[in-house]
PDB file of N, CA and C in Angstrom:
ATOM      1  N   THR A   1     106.117  52.075 126.357  1.00  0.00           N
ATOM      2  CA  THR A   1     105.470  51.448 126.790  1.00  0.00           C
ATOM      3  C   THR A   1     105.013  51.894 128.909  1.00  0.00           C
ATOM      4  N   THR A   2     106.532  52.186 129.764  1.00  0.00           N
ATOM      5  CA  THR A   2     105.790  52.502 130.570  1.00  0.00           C
ATOM      6  C   THR A   2     105.656  53.664 130.913  1.00  0.00           C
ATOM      7  N   TRP A   3     106.191  55.128 130.218  1.00  0.00           N
ATOM      8  CA  TRP A   3     105.694  55.857 129.751  1.00  0.00           C
ATOM      9  C   TRP A   3     104.133  55.988 129.302  1.00  0.00           C
ATOM     10  N   LEU A   4     103.712  55.598 128.895  1.00  0.00           N
ATOM     11  CA  LEU A   4     102.250  55.399 128.061  1.00  0.00           C
ATOM     12  C   LEU A   4     101.158  54.427 129.496  1.00  0.00           C
ATOM     13  N   GLU A   5     101.963  53.668 129.731  1.00  0.00           N
ATOM     14  CA  GLU A   5     101.347  53.366 131.780  1.00  0.00           C
ATOM     15  C   GLU A   5     100.695  54.270 132.401  1.00  0.00           C
ATOM     16  N   LEU A   6     102.271  55.489 132.558  1.00  0.00           N
ATOM     17  CA  LEU A   6     101.947  56.085 133.901  1.00  0.00           C
ATOM     18  C   LEU A   6     100.991  57.264 133.150  1.00  0.00           C
ATOM     19  N   VAL A   7     101.016  57.695 131.672  1.00  0.00           N
ATOM     20  CA  VAL A   7      99.999  58.517 131.533  1.00  0.00           C
ATOM     21  C   VAL A   7      98.791  57.936 131.532  1.00  0.00           C
ATOM     22  N   ASP A   8      98.796  57.385 131.150  1.00  0.00           N
ATOM     23  CA  ASP A   8      96.732  56.135 131.264  1.00  0.00           C
ATOM     24  C   ASP A   8      96.960  56.379 132.964  1.00  0.00           C
ATOM     25  N   ILE A   9      97.535  55.941 134.020  1.00  0.00           N
ATOM     26  CA  ILE A   9      96.989  55.878 135.041  1.00  0.00           C
ATOM     27  C   ILE A   9      97.103  57.366 135.854  1.00  0.00           C
ATOM     28  N   LEU A  10      97.896  58.324 135.352  1.00  0.00           N
ATOM     29  CA  LEU A  10      97.550  59.424 135.879  1.00  0.00           C
ATOM     30  C   LEU A  10      96.586  60.361 134.611  1.00  0.00           C
ATOM     31  N   THR A  11      96.015  60.048 134.118  1.00  0.00           N
ATOM     32  CA  THR A  11      95.256  60.819 133.115  1.00  0.00           C
ATOM     33  C   THR A  11      93.963  60.554 133.770  1.00  0.00           C
ATOM     34  N   GLN A  12      93.623  58.815 134.056  1.00  0.00           N
ATOM     35  CA  GLN A  12      92.821  58.474 134.835  1.00  0.00           C
ATOM     36  C   GLN A  12      92.466  58.798 136.254  1.00  0.00           C
ATOM     37  N   ALA A  13      93.480  59.000 137.012  1.00  0.00           N
ATOM     38  CA  ALA A  13      93.228  59.622 138.058  1.00  0.00           C
ATOM     39  C   ALA A  13      92.949  61.017 138.109  1.00  0.00           C
ATOM     40  N   GLU A  14      93.788  61.917 137.306  1.00  0.00           N
ATOM     41  CA  GLU A  14      92.654  63.487 137.390  1.00  0.00           C
ATOM     42  C   GLU A  14      91.492  63.163 137.207  1.00  0.00           C
ATOM     43  N   ALA A  15      90.873  61.923 135.998  1.00  0.00           N
ATOM     44  CA  ALA A  15      89.268  62.292 135.834  1.00  0.00           C
ATOM     45  C   ALA A  15      88.526  62.188 136.969  1.00  0.00           C
ATOM     46  N   ASP A  16      89.079  61.293 138.242  1.00  0.00           N
ATOM     47  CA  ASP A  16      88.818  60.339 138.766  1.00  0.00           C
ATOM     48  C   ASP A  16      88.656  61.441 139.982  1.00  0.00           C
ATOM     49  N   GLY A  17      89.550  62.441 139.797  1.00  0.00           N
ATOM     50  CA  GLY A  17      89.296  63.544 141.034  1.00  0.00           C
ATOM     51  C   GLY A  17      90.389  63.170 142.356  1.00  0.00           C
ATOM     52  N   LEU A  18      91.106  62.381 142.106  1.00  0.00           N
ATOM     53  CA  LEU A  18      92.003  61.904 142.983  1.00  0.00           C
ATOM     54  C   LEU A  18      93.416  62.558 143.548  1.00  0.00           C
ATOM     55  N   GLY A  19      93.438  62.539 144.746  1.00  0.00           N
ATOM     56  CA  GLY A  19      94.637  63.603 145.659  1.00  0.00           C
ATOM     57  C   GLY A  19      95.613  62.743 145.664  1.00  0.00           C
ATOM     58  N   ILE A  20      96.479  63.658 145.514  1.00  0.00           N
ATOM     59  CA  ILE A  20      97.801  63.345 145.630  1.00  0.00           C
ATOM     60  C   ILE A  20      98.225  62.124 146.779  1.00  0.00           C
ATOM     61  N   GLN A  21      97.178  61.197 147.191  1.00  0.00           N
ATOM     62  CA  GLN A  21      98.055  59.913 148.350  1.00  0.00           C
ATOM     63  C   GLN A  21      97.660  59.397 147.887  1.00  0.00           C
ATOM     64  N   ALA A  22      96.018  59.316 147.188  1.00  0.00           N
ATOM     65  CA  ALA A  22      95.429  58.071 146.410  1.00  0.00           C
ATOM     66  C   ALA A  22      96.085  57.879 145.237  1.00  0.00           C
ATOM     67  N   ILE A  23      96.994  58.849 144.587  1.00  0.00           N
ATOM     68  CA  ILE A  23      98.043  58.948 143.332  1.00  0.00           C
ATOM     69  C   ILE A  23      99.234  57.944 144.227  1.00  0.00           C
ATOM     70  N   THR A  24      99.323  58.368 144.760  1.00  0.00           N
ATOM     71  CA  THR A  24     101.004  58.083 145.497  1.00  0.00           C
ATOM     72  C   THR A  24     100.703  56.101 145.699  1.00  0.00           C
ATOM     73  N   GLU A  25      99.251  56.214 146.212  1.00  0.00           N
ATOM     74  CA  GLU A  25      99.240  54.319 146.218  1.00  0.00           C
ATOM     75  C   GLU A  25      99.227  53.834 144.929  1.00  0.00           C
ATOM     76  N   LEU A  26      98.876  54.399 143.710  1.00  0.00           N
ATOM     77  CA  LEU A  26      98.559  54.068 142.741  1.00  0.00           C
ATOM     78  C   LEU A  26      99.913  53.565 141.950  1.00  0.00           C
ATOM     79  N   LEU A  27     100.621  54.743 142.071  1.00  0.00           N
ATOM     80  CA  LEU A  27     102.441  54.551 141.467  1.00  0.00           C
ATOM     81  C   LEU A  27     102.822  53.262 142.762  1.00  0.00           C
ATOM     82  N   ASN A  28     102.059  53.843 143.718  1.00  0.00           N
ATOM     83  CA  ASN A  28     103.189  52.388 144.526  1.00  0.00           C
ATOM     84  C   ASN A  28     103.090  51.259 144.043  1.00  0.00           C
ATOM     85  N   ASP A  29     101.677  50.848 143.523  1.00  0.00           N
ATOM     86  CA  ASP A  29     101.427  49.602 142.944  1.00  0.00           C
ATOM     87  C   ASP A  29     101.707  49.085 141.339  1.00  0.00           C
ATOM     88  N   PHE A  30     101.248  50.722 140.875  1.00  0.00           N
ATOM     89  CA  PHE A  30     102.657  50.163 139.299  1.00  0.00           C
ATOM     90  C   PHE A  30     104.126  49.873 139.379  1.00  0.00           C
ATOM     91  N   TYR A  31     105.123  50.676 140.288  1.00  0.00           N
ATOM     92  CA  TYR A  31     106.106  50.383 140.640  1.00  0.00           C
ATOM     93  C   TYR A  31     106.963  49.039 141.398  1.00  0.00           C
ATOM     94  N   GLU A  32     105.069  48.553 141.868  1.00  0.00           N
ATOM     95  CA  GLU A  32     105.732  47.320 142.845  1.00  0.00           C
ATOM     96  C   GLU A  32     106.717  47.275 144.257  1.00  0.00           C
ATOM     97  N   GLY A  33     106.349  48.188 144.247  1.00  0.00           N
ATOM     98  CA  GLY A  33     107.358  48.792 145.788  1.00  0.00           C
ATOM     99  C   GLY A  33     108.987  49.296 145.520  1.00  0.00           C
ATOM    100  N   LYS A  34     109.500  49.033 144.396  1.00  0.00           N
ATOM    101  CA  LYS A  34     110.497  49.729 143.507  1.00  0.00           C
ATOM    102  C   LYS A  34     111.371  51.324 143.583  1.00  0.00           C
ATOM    103  N   LYS A  35     109.708  52.032 144.505  1.00  0.00           N
ATOM    104  CA  LYS A  35     110.372  53.567 144.424  1.00  0.00           C
ATOM    105  C   LYS A  35     109.638  53.658 146.573  1.00  0.00           C
ATOM    106  N   SER A  36     110.262  54.684 146.646  1.00  0.00           N
ATOM    107  CA  SER A  36     110.001  55.079 147.889  1.00  0.00           C
ATOM    108  C   SER A  36     108.509  55.835 147.701  1.00  0.00           C
ATOM    109  N   ASP A  37     107.738  55.363 148.923  1.00  0.00           N
ATOM    110  CA  ASP A  37     106.739  56.551 149.363  1.00  0.00           C
ATOM    111  C   ASP A  37     106.706  57.616 148.820  1.00  0.00           C
ATOM    112  N   TRP A  38     108.277  58.760 149.082  1.00  0.00           N
ATOM    113  CA  TRP A  38     108.442  59.729 148.738  1.00  0.00           C
ATOM    114  C   TRP A  38     108.605  59.928 147.313  1.00  0.00           C
ATOM    115  N   GLN A  39     109.202  59.410 146.458  1.00  0.00           N
ATOM    116  CA  GLN A  39     109.361  59.341 145.523  1.00  0.00           C
ATOM    117  C   GLN A  39     108.156  59.031 144.707  1.00  0.00           C
ATOM    118  N   THR A  40     107.660  58.512 144.938  1.00  0.00           N
ATOM    119  CA  THR A  40     106.240  58.560 144.108  1.00  0.00           C
ATOM    120  C   THR A  40     105.007  59.548 144.294  1.00  0.00           C
ATOM    121  N   GLU A  41     105.182  59.951 145.661  1.00  0.00           N
ATOM    122  CA  GLU A  41     104.427  61.030 146.307  1.00  0.00           C
ATOM    123  C   GLU A  41     105.087  62.378 145.042  1.00  0.00           C
ATOM    124  N   ARG A  42     106.240  62.636 145.216  1.00  0.00           N
ATOM    125  CA  ARG A  42     106.792  63.371 144.395  1.00  0.00           C
ATOM    126  C   ARG A  42     106.851  63.560 142.665  1.00  0.00           C
ATOM    127  N   ILE A  43     106.600  62.249 142.234  1.00  0.00           N
ATOM    128  CA  ILE A  43     105.969  62.035 140.856  1.00  0.00           C
ATOM    129  C   ILE A  43     104.467  62.745 140.486  1.00  0.00           C
ATOM    130  N   GLY A  44     103.846  62.016 141.631  1.00  0.00           N
ATOM    131  CA  GLY A  44     102.667  62.405 141.735  1.00  0.00           C
ATOM    132  C   GLY A  44     101.954  64.027 141.488  1.00  0.00           C
ATOM    133  N   ARG A  45     102.700  64.419 143.359  1.00  0.00           N
ATOM    134  CA  ARG A  45     102.635  66.156 143.147  1.00  0.00           C
ATOM    135  C   ARG A  45     103.311  66.456 141.855  1.00  0.00           C
ATOM    136  N   THR A  46     104.453  66.095 141.247  1.00  0.00           N
ATOM    137  CA  THR A  46     104.666  67.424 140.190  1.00  0.00           C
ATOM    138  C   THR A  46     104.026  66.915 138.999  1.00  0.00           C
ATOM    139  N   THR A  47     103.307  66.047 138.793  1.00  0.00           N
ATOM    140  CA  THR A  47     102.626  65.713 137.692  1.00  0.00           C
ATOM    141  C   THR A  47     101.022  66.303 137.916  1.00  0.00           C
ATOM    142  N   MET A  48     100.509  66.024 138.667  1.00  0.00           N
ATOM    143  CA  MET A  48      99.435  66.272 138.545  1.00  0.00           C
ATOM    144  C   MET A  48      99.533  68.078 138.946  1.00  0.00           C
ATOM    145  N   THR A  49     100.396  69.096 139.340  1.00  0.00           N
ATOM    146  CA  THR A  49     100.348  70.330 139.508  1.00  0.00           C
ATOM    147  C   THR A  49     100.591  71.039 138.028  1.00  0.00           C
ATOM    148  N   GLY A  50     101.103  70.151 137.257  1.00  0.00           N
ATOM    149  CA  GLY A  50     101.724  70.843 136.608  1.00  0.00           C
ATOM    150  C   GLY A  50     100.266  70.431 134.882  1.00  0.00           C
ATOM    151  N   ALA A  51      99.423  69.759 135.434  1.00  0.00           N
ATOM    152  CA  ALA A  51      98.631  69.171 134.527  1.00  0.00           C
ATOM    153  C   ALA A  51      97.638  69.890 135.361  1.00  0.00           C
ATOM    154  N   ASP A  52      97.212  70.863 136.686  1.00  0.00           N
ATOM    155  CA  ASP A  52      96.430  71.068 136.621  1.00  0.00           C
ATOM    156  C   ASP A  52      96.278  72.217 136.262  1.00  0.00           C
ATOM    157  N   ASN A  53      97.488  72.975 136.190  1.00  0.00           N
ATOM    158  CA  ASN A  53      97.608  74.116 135.812  1.00  0.00           C
ATOM    159  C   ASN A  53      97.768  74.493 134.180  1.00  0.00           C
ATOM    160  N   ALA A  54      97.618  73.534 133.664  1.00  0.00           N
ATOM    161  CA  ALA A  54      98.088  73.477 132.249  1.00  0.00           C
ATOM    162  C   ALA A  54      96.370  73.482 131.833  1.00  0.00           C
ATOM    163  N   GLY A  55      95.718  72.437 131.851  1.00  0.00           N
ATOM    164  CA  GLY A  55      94.028  72.427 131.959  1.00  0.00           C
ATOM    165  C   GLY A  55      93.443  73.325 132.335  1.00  0.00           C
ATOM    166  N   THR A  56      93.808  74.056 133.358  1.00  0.00           N
ATOM    167  CA  THR A  56      92.834  75.995 133.880  1.00  0.00           C
ATOM    168  C   THR A  56      93.578  76.989 133.131  1.00  0.00           C
ATOM    169  N   LEU A  57      94.224  77.158 132.786  1.00  0.00           N
ATOM    170  CA  LEU A  57      95.253  77.505 131.066  1.00  0.00           C
ATOM    171  C   LEU A  57      94.626  77.551 130.090  1.00  0.00           C
ATOM    172  N   GLU A  58      94.514  76.372 130.029  1.00  0.00           N
ATOM    173  CA  GLU A  58      93.800  75.878 128.563  1.00  0.00           C
ATOM    174  C   GLU A  58      91.890  76.306 128.646  1.00  0.00           C
ATOM    175  N   ALA A  59      91.591  76.433 129.703  1.00  0.00           N
ATOM    176  CA  ALA A  59      90.565  76.677 129.803  1.00  0.00           C
ATOM    177  C   ALA A  59      90.229  77.912 130.191  1.00  0.00           C
ATOM    178  N   TRP A  60      90.775  78.981 130.137  1.00  0.00           N
ATOM    179  CA  TRP A  60      91.234  80.187 130.359  1.00  0.00           C
ATOM    180  C   TRP A  60      91.364  80.733 129.064  1.00  0.00           C
ATOM    181  N   GLU A  61      91.897  79.725 127.681  1.00  0.00           N
ATOM    182  CA  GLU A  61      92.109  80.596 126.972  1.00  0.00           C
ATOM    183  C   GLU A  61      91.062  80.399 126.442  1.00  0.00           C
ATOM    184  N   GLN A  62      90.447  79.668 126.444  1.00  0.00           N
ATOM    185  CA  GLN A  62      89.346  78.962 125.790  1.00  0.00           C
ATOM    186  C   GLN A  62      87.505  80.109 125.667  1.00  0.00           C
ATOM    187  N   SER A  63      88.136  80.466 126.975  1.00  0.00           N
ATOM    188  CA  SER A  63      86.971  81.363 127.328  1.00  0.00           C
ATOM    189  C   SER A  63      87.081  82.598 126.552  1.00  0.00           C
ATOM    190  N   GLY A  64      87.890  83.035 126.523  1.00  0.00           N
ATOM    191  CA  GLY A  64      87.638  83.997 125.987  1.00  0.00           C
ATOM    192  C   GLY A  64      87.921  85.635 126.562  1.00  0.00           C
ATOM    193  N   VAL A  65      87.385  85.584 127.783  1.00  0.00           N
ATOM    194  CA  VAL A  65      87.444  86.628 128.784  1.00  0.00           C
ATOM    195  C   VAL A  65      88.518  86.602 129.608  1.00  0.00           C
ATOM    196  N   VAL A  66      89.475  85.561 129.664  1.00  0.00           N
ATOM    197  CA  VAL A  66      90.489  85.955 130.683  1.00  0.00           C
ATOM    198  C   VAL A  66      91.877  86.911 130.341  1.00  0.00           C
ATOM    199  N   LYS A  67      92.154  87.917 130.577  1.00  0.00           N
ATOM    200  CA  LYS A  67      93.209  89.043 129.884  1.00  0.00           C
ATOM    201  C   LYS A  67      94.211  88.540 130.793  1.00  0.00           C
ATOM    202  N   SER A  68      94.619  88.177 131.709  1.00  0.00           N
ATOM    203  CA  SER A  68      96.028  87.678 132.479  1.00  0.00           C
ATOM    204  C   SER A  68      95.979  87.042 133.728  1.00  0.00           C
ATOM    205  N   LYS A  69      96.959  86.648 133.896  1.00  0.00           N
ATOM    206  CA  LYS A  69      97.456  85.434 134.775  1.00  0.00           C
ATOM    207  C   LYS A  69      97.771  85.892 135.813  1.00  0.00           C
ATOM    208  N   THR A  70      97.820  85.452 137.329  1.00  0.00           N
ATOM    209  CA  THR A  70      98.940  85.876 138.422  1.00  0.00           C
ATOM    210  C   THR A  70      99.470  84.336 138.944  1.00  0.00           C
ATOM    211  N   TRP A  71     100.738  84.271 139.040  1.00  0.00           N
ATOM    212  CA  TRP A  71     101.785  83.574 139.745  1.00  0.00           C
ATOM    213  C   TRP A  71     101.463  83.348 141.039  1.00  0.00           C
ATOM    214  N   LEU A  72     100.780  82.483 141.951  1.00  0.00           N
ATOM    215  CA  LEU A  72     100.526  82.610 143.316  1.00  0.00           C
ATOM    216  C   LEU A  72     101.176  81.036 143.631  1.00  0.00           C
ATOM    217  N   SER A  73     102.077  81.675 145.038  1.00  0.00           N
ATOM    218  CA  SER A  73     102.865  80.644 145.190  1.00  0.00           C
ATOM    219  C   SER A  73     102.474  80.249 146.848  1.00  0.00           C
ATOM    220  N   ALA A  74     102.826  78.807 147.028  1.00  0.00           N
ATOM    221  CA  ALA A  74     102.149  78.654 148.192  1.00  0.00           C
ATOM    222  C   ALA A  74     102.772  79.490 149.088  1.00  0.00           C
ATOM    223  N   LEU A  75     103.787  79.630 149.427  1.00  0.00           N
ATOM    224  CA  LEU A  75     104.760  80.229 150.338  1.00  0.00           C
ATOM    225  C   LEU A  75     104.445  79.632 151.658  1.00  0.00           C
ATOM    226  N   ALA A  76     105.089  78.532 151.074  1.00  0.00           N
ATOM    227  CA  ALA A  76     105.268  77.125 152.422  1.00  0.00           C
ATOM    228  C   ALA A  76     106.305  77.267 153.207  1.00  0.00           C
ATOM    229  N   PRO A  77     106.060  77.559 154.695  1.00  0.00           N
ATOM    230  CA  PRO A  77     107.484  77.910 155.216  1.00  0.00           C
ATOM    231  C   PRO A  77     108.555  76.494 154.866  1.00  0.00           C
ATOM    232  N   ASP A  78     109.737  76.991 154.474  1.00  0.00           N
ATOM    233  CA  ASP A  78     110.077  75.947 154.490  1.00  0.00           C
ATOM    234  C   ASP A  78     110.438  74.981 153.395  1.00  0.00           C
ATOM    235  N   ARG A  79     109.890  74.846 152.435  1.00  0.00           N
ATOM    236  CA  ARG A  79     108.877  73.996 151.543  1.00  0.00           C
ATOM    237  C   ARG A  79     109.286  75.167 149.834  1.00  0.00           C
ATOM    238  N   THR A  80     108.513  76.228 149.919  1.00  0.00           N
ATOM    239  CA  THR A  80     108.732  77.168 149.153  1.00  0.00           C
ATOM    240  C   THR A  80     110.485  77.818 148.596  1.00  0.00           C
ATOM    241  N   ARG A  81     110.093  77.289 147.190  1.00  0.00           N
ATOM    242  CA  ARG A  81     111.256  78.386 146.649  1.00  0.00           C
ATOM    243  C   ARG A  81     111.342  79.511 146.657  1.00  0.00           C
ATOM    244  N   ASP A  82     112.938  80.106 146.780  1.00  0.00           N
ATOM    245  CA  ASP A  82     112.701  81.123 146.491  1.00  0.00           C
ATOM    246  C   ASP A  82     112.584  82.100 145.546  1.00  0.00           C
ATOM    247  N   ALA A  83     112.771  81.683 144.608  1.00  0.00           N
ATOM    248  CA  ALA A  83     112.413  81.740 143.396  1.00  0.00           C
ATOM    249  C   ALA A  83     110.402  81.695 142.951  1.00  0.00           C
ATOM    250  N   HIS A  84     110.313  80.668 143.573  1.00  0.00           N
ATOM    251  CA  HIS A  84     109.049  81.190 143.563  1.00  0.00           C
ATOM    252  C   HIS A  84     108.351  82.008 144.040  1.00  0.00           C
ATOM    253  N   ALA A  85     108.214  82.130 145.510  1.00  0.00           N
ATOM    254  CA  ALA A  85     107.726  83.047 145.938  1.00  0.00           C
ATOM    255  C   ALA A  85     108.185  84.487 145.491  1.00  0.00           C
ATOM    256  N   ALA A  86     109.058  84.544 145.070  1.00  0.00           N
ATOM    257  CA  ALA A  86     110.128  85.568 144.341  1.00  0.00           C
ATOM    258  C   ALA A  86     108.765  86.327 143.234  1.00  0.00           C
ATOM    259  N   ALA A  87     108.007  85.265 142.697  1.00  0.00           N
ATOM    260  CA  ALA A  87     107.697  84.953 141.603  1.00  0.00           C
ATOM    261  C   ALA A  87     106.070  85.538 142.595  1.00  0.00           C
ATOM    262  N   HIS A  88     105.697  85.275 143.799  1.00  0.00           N
ATOM    263  CA  HIS A  88     104.333  85.483 143.850  1.00  0.00           C
ATOM    264  C   HIS A  88     103.515  87.075 143.765  1.00  0.00           C
ATOM    265  N   GLY A  89     102.464  86.840 142.700  1.00  0.00           N
ATOM    266  CA  GLY A  89     101.991  88.185 142.668  1.00  0.00           C
ATOM    267  C   GLY A  89     102.842  88.781 141.060  1.00  0.00           C
ATOM    268  N   GLN A  90     103.088  87.965 140.436  1.00  0.00           N
ATOM    269  CA  GLN A  90     103.806  88.431 139.186  1.00  0.00           C
ATOM    270  C   GLN A  90     102.163  88.079 137.920  1.00  0.00           C
ATOM    271  N   SER A  91     102.283  89.069 137.022  1.00  0.00           N
ATOM    272  CA  SER A  91     100.451  88.771 136.581  1.00  0.00           C
ATOM    273  C   SER A  91     101.304  89.083 135.092  1.00  0.00           C
ATOM    274  N   VAL A  92     101.028  88.593 134.101  1.00  0.00           N
ATOM    275  CA  VAL A  92     101.468  88.396 132.494  1.00  0.00           C
ATOM    276  C   VAL A  92     100.162  88.629 132.248  1.00  0.00           C
ATOM    277  N   LYS A  93     100.129  88.785 130.318  1.00  0.00           N
ATOM    278  CA  LYS A  93      99.070  88.661 129.788  1.00  0.00           C
ATOM    279  C   LYS A  93      98.793  87.224 129.498  1.00  0.00           C
ATOM    280  N   ILE A  94      97.778  86.786 129.491  1.00  0.00           N
ATOM    281  CA  ILE A  94      97.209  85.073 129.102  1.00  0.00           C
ATOM    282  C   ILE A  94      98.415  84.183 128.012  1.00  0.00           C
ATOM    283  N   SER A  95      98.717  85.253 126.871  1.00  0.00           N
ATOM    284  CA  SER A  95      99.582  84.572 126.032  1.00  0.00           C
ATOM    285  C   SER A  95     101.004  84.611 126.760  1.00  0.00           C
ATOM    286  N   GLU A  96     101.339  85.168 127.732  1.00  0.00           N
ATOM    287  CA  GLU A  96     102.596  85.224 128.407  1.00  0.00           C
ATOM    288  C   GLU A  96     102.669  84.348 129.015  1.00  0.00           C
ATOM    289  N   LYS A  97     104.592  84.124 129.071  1.00  0.00           N
ATOM    290  CA  LYS A  97     105.140  83.843 130.060  1.00  0.00           C
ATOM    291  C   LYS A  97     105.442  84.011 131.372  1.00  0.00           C
ATOM    292  N   PHE A  98     105.747  82.983 132.210  1.00  0.00           N
ATOM    293  CA  PHE A  98     105.885  83.695 133.557  1.00  0.00           C
ATOM    294  C   PHE A  98     107.576  83.921 133.314  1.00  0.00           C
ATOM    295  N   GLU A  99     108.015  84.414 134.330  1.00  0.00           N
ATOM    296  CA  GLU A  99     109.535  84.163 134.562  1.00  0.00           C
ATOM    297  C   GLU A  99     110.050  83.903 135.782  1.00  0.00           C
ATOM    298  N   VAL A 100     110.881  82.499 135.736  1.00  0.00           N
ATOM    299  CA  VAL A 100     110.679  82.005 137.004  1.00  0.00           C
ATOM    300  C   VAL A 100     112.077  81.938 137.045  1.00  0.00           C
ATOM    301  N   ASP A 101     113.312  82.416 138.029  1.00  0.00           N
ATOM    302  CA  ASP A 101     114.253  81.522 137.957  1.00  0.00           C
ATOM    303  C   ASP A 101     114.885  82.114 137.280  1.00  0.00           C
ATOM    304  N   GLY A 102     115.388  83.133 135.840  1.00  0.00           N
ATOM    305  CA  GLY A 102     115.594  82.427 134.617  1.00  0.00           C
ATOM    306  C   GLY A 102     115.393  82.308 133.320  1.00  0.00           C
ATOM    307  N   GLU A 103     113.776  81.216 133.853  1.00  0.00           N
ATOM    308  CA  GLU A 103     112.836  80.500 133.192  1.00  0.00           C
ATOM    309  C   GLU A 103     111.338  81.066 132.086  1.00  0.00           C
ATOM    310  N   SER A 104     111.340  81.361 131.285  1.00  0.00           N
ATOM    311  CA  SER A 104     110.148  81.754 131.057  1.00  0.00           C
ATOM    312  C   SER A 104     109.020  79.938 131.040  1.00  0.00           C
ATOM    313  N   LEU A 105     107.982  80.100 132.090  1.00  0.00           N
ATOM    314  CA  LEU A 105     107.061  78.867 132.006  1.00  0.00           C
ATOM    315  C   LEU A 105     105.565  79.502 131.896  1.00  0.00           C
ATOM    316  N   GLU A 106     105.195  78.581 131.017  1.00  0.00           N
ATOM    317  CA  GLU A 106     103.062  79.182 130.547  1.00  0.00           C
ATOM    318  C   GLU A 106     102.689  78.906 131.889  1.00  0.00           C
ATOM    319  N   TYR A 107     102.911  78.502 132.493  1.00  0.00           N
ATOM    320  CA  TYR A 107     101.826  78.151 134.299  1.00  0.00           C
ATOM    321  C   TYR A 107     102.798  77.463 134.789  1.00  0.00           C
ATOM    322  N   PRO A 108     102.758  77.067 136.308  1.00  0.00           N
ATOM    323  CA  PRO A 108     103.438  76.440 137.771  1.00  0.00           C
ATOM    324  C   PRO A 108     103.691  74.654 136.845  1.00  0.00           C
ATOM    325  N   GLY A 109     104.903  74.410 137.015  1.00  0.00           N
ATOM    326  CA  GLY A 109     104.733  72.774 137.004  1.00  0.00           C
ATOM    327  C   GLY A 109     104.775  72.518 134.998  1.00  0.00           C
ATOM    328  N   ASP A 110     105.302  73.503 134.369  1.00  0.00           N
ATOM    329  CA  ASP A 110     104.949  73.251 133.295  1.00  0.00           C
ATOM    330  C   ASP A 110     106.019  72.608 132.913  1.00  0.00           C
ATOM    331  N   PRO A 111     105.746  71.117 132.257  1.00  0.00           N
ATOM    332  CA  PRO A 111     107.319  70.852 132.047  1.00  0.00           C
ATOM    333  C   PRO A 111     108.219  71.547 131.184  1.00  0.00           C
ATOM    334  N   ASN A 112     107.987  72.511 130.633  1.00  0.00           N
ATOM    335  CA  ASN A 112     109.359  72.757 129.670  1.00  0.00           C
ATOM    336  C   ASN A 112     110.209  73.878 131.029  1.00  0.00           C
ATOM    337  N   GLY A 113     110.073  73.393 131.644  1.00  0.00           N
ATOM    338  CA  GLY A 113     111.124  74.423 133.192  1.00  0.00           C
ATOM    339  C   GLY A 113     111.592  72.859 133.614  1.00  0.00           C
ATOM    340  N   SER A 114     113.015  73.583 133.639  1.00  0.00           N
ATOM    341  CA  SER A 114     113.759  72.062 134.661  1.00  0.00           C
ATOM    342  C   SER A 114     113.348  72.111 135.949  1.00  0.00           C
ATOM    343  N   VAL A 115     114.059  70.703 136.110  1.00  0.00           N
ATOM    344  CA  VAL A 115     113.956  69.896 137.236  1.00  0.00           C
ATOM    345  C   VAL A 115     113.845  70.953 138.290  1.00  0.00           C
ATOM    346  N   SER A 116     114.964  71.076 138.677  1.00  0.00           N
ATOM    347  CA  SER A 116     114.937  72.002 140.034  1.00  0.00           C
ATOM    348  C   SER A 116     114.017  73.350 140.149  1.00  0.00           C
ATOM    349  N   ASN A 117     112.692  73.237 138.834  1.00  0.00           N
ATOM    350  CA  ASN A 117     111.505  74.918 138.984  1.00  0.00           C
ATOM    351  C   ASN A 117     110.782  73.721 139.097  1.00  0.00           C
ATOM    352  N   ILE A 118     110.293  72.858 138.684  1.00  0.00           N
ATOM    353  CA  ILE A 118     109.280  72.261 138.987  1.00  0.00           C
ATOM    354  C   ILE A 118     108.756  70.830 139.557  1.00  0.00           C
ATOM    355  N   VAL A 119     109.920  70.300 140.233  1.00  0.00           N
ATOM    356  CA  VAL A 119     109.706  69.196 141.367  1.00  0.00           C
ATOM    357  C   VAL A 119     108.459  69.273 142.213  1.00  0.00           C
ATOM    358  N   ASN A 120     108.334  68.854 142.433  1.00  0.00           N
ATOM    359  CA  ASN A 120     107.380  69.211 143.687  1.00  0.00           C
ATOM    360  C   ASN A 120     106.440  70.435 143.916  1.00  0.00           C
ATOM    361  N   CYS A 121     106.401  71.895 142.823  1.00  0.00           N
ATOM    362  CA  CYS A 121     105.718  72.983 143.111  1.00  0.00           C
ATOM    363  C   CYS A 121     104.429  72.588 143.338  1.00  0.00           C
ATOM    364  N   LEU A 122     103.602  73.678 144.470  1.00  0.00           N
ATOM    365  CA  LEU A 122     103.108  73.622 144.984  1.00  0.00           C
ATOM    366  C   LEU A 122     102.036  75.033 144.608  1.00  0.00           C
ATOM    367  N   CYS A 123     102.656  75.279 143.576  1.00  0.00           N
ATOM    368  CA  CYS A 123     102.237  76.669 143.219  1.00  0.00           C
ATOM    369  C   CYS A 123     100.786  76.767 142.064  1.00  0.00           C
ATOM    370  N   GLY A 124     100.338  77.525 142.330  1.00  0.00           N
ATOM    371  CA  GLY A 124      99.037  77.847 141.628  1.00  0.00           C
ATOM    372  C   GLY A 124      98.856  79.347 140.543  1.00  0.00           C
ATOM    373  N   MET A 125      97.794  79.677 140.324  1.00  0.00           N
ATOM    374  CA  MET A 125      97.731  80.620 139.313  1.00  0.00           C
ATOM    375  C   MET A 125      96.345  81.540 139.874  1.00  0.00           C
ATOM    376  N   VAL A 126      95.843  82.654 139.400  1.00  0.00           N
ATOM    377  CA  VAL A 126      94.606  83.670 139.623  1.00  0.00           C
ATOM    378  C   VAL A 126      93.957  84.147 138.203  1.00  0.00           C
ATOM    379  N   ALA A 127      93.075  83.638 137.632  1.00  0.00           N
ATOM    380  CA  ALA A 127      92.931  84.731 136.447  1.00  0.00           C
ATOM    381  C   ALA A 127      92.881  86.141 136.710  1.00  0.00           C
ATOM    382  N   GLU A 128      92.598  86.812 135.705  1.00  0.00           N
ATOM    383  CA  GLU A 128      91.984  88.670 136.015  1.00  0.00           C
ATOM    384  C   GLU A 128      91.464  88.716 134.518  1.00  0.00           C
ATOM    385  N   VAL A 129      89.906  89.222 134.626  1.00  0.00           N
ATOM    386  CA  VAL A 129      89.180  89.148 133.290  1.00  0.00           C
ATOM    387  C   VAL A 129      89.322  90.805 133.184  1.00  0.00           C
TER     388      VAL A 129
END
């Protein structure tokens, strides 16, 4: 039940175009103060990064014009994982997966990745036609 409620909250937040701060506030309300601000921000950022990149990839696939995708790391000082910085600029065919820290990921924030590879990810992608 909790999982489904969270899915509803995050789905609506995405549909409403809410940013991480607003999502953090929604999650704080949901958890009734049982989680700290940094925990709810982490949940919001991680979930929305994955959802945004998954949606982007789906749109590119449906377009039929995107041939490849390129990983873009945020390259933020003291915030970007070494493995994500190393993946910056990696291009693969649209149907292939990125290799990041020994894992195959469809997109940044791919929930099939390990926690250490997706939590708080700030990365994105760019299309190549």
